[in-house]
Amino acid sequence: MAELYIAHEYSIAALQLILAMLGMGATLTGRDFQDIARGPVPIAAGTGVQLLVVPLLAFLFISWPGVTPGVAIGIALIAAIPGGTVSNIFTYLARGDIALSISVTTLTTLACLVTTPLILDLLIGQQLPADFVMPRLGIVFEIGLTLLLPLLLGMLFLRYYPRSAPTFSLWCIRGSLLGVLLIVIGSLIAGRLDLAAFGAGNAVLVALFAIALAFAGWLVPRLTGMNRRKATAIEIEVVVRNINLGVLLKVSIFPASDPTLAPIGDLVLFTLLLYGGLQLIIGAAVIRLRRGKNAAQTPTASGKKP
């Protein structure tokens, strides 16, 4: 069973990401891109914190003395990936500014074709084995094939089959979650998710990184004067990352089938999955704290606040 999972790890990781992006694309229209032009300041602030502040925080944590290379690489991956469908869903549940959330997610997703390999190169170039070569072109190709292309296809599905798009999106997201579950179960069976080997210190470090991102997501909107609904969107967008993409990049760069890279890859995977769990907890807390307060700012059908 373990050998079967290892042999098909990449295919499972790629499929779960493709399904997630198809589902996200099936919720996007051209109007979402028009929002980018109508509200440039909040979108610029949200995109800026994603592409500048988050990598800077990751650098500070990675530079902490004694950080395990695999954990450092995992934190760098988290910083290098954009938000995803979960951040948009959480923003909706918290009654935040969903248009802002989708706009920032879309912009950072498009930008990650360039920013992801660049951020990884800057953050973890010194953490990798001396003979390791970062597959920059491979990362760009995989992002284009498994992230941007499915996003575009999902948007086309919504355009030509608008009535079926919500159901299509729902089942794509469910399929993606099933893929993530298969990765977790397969990794457990293969003995690659070992909490004792990961260590309590590393777990605390990842938790502190998540808290630092949550604080940055809280602080930046207030420094830029955003209203409560826009601030909620940025709070969630900064914390809730596209872990699906992180898992695929981990599988691609550190395949379990390579015995020299597998030990590092195991720590990277554990870091990603641990952060994935923490971001859900933080996201749920933001929903609980903001939902009622944001309701007072949510426009009604007439365009007025209730």
Foldseek 3Di string as FASTA:
>chain_A
DLVVCLVCVLVLLLLLLLLQLLLLLLVDEVVLQVVCVVDVPLLVLLLCCLQPVQLVLLLVLLPPPPDQLLLSLLSLLQSLFFFGDVLLVLLVLLLFDSSSLSNNRVVSLVVSLPRNVVSSCVRRVVSDDPPADPPNVVLSVSSVVRHVVSSNVSNVCCVVPVVCSNVSSVVSNVSSVVSVVCSVVSCVVNVLADDVVLDPVSLVSLLVSLVVQLVSLQPSCVVSVHDLRSSLSSSLRSRRGPLSSSSSVLCVRQRCVDVVRNNSSSSSVNSSVSSNVSSVVVSVVSSVVRNVVSQQVNADPVRHGD
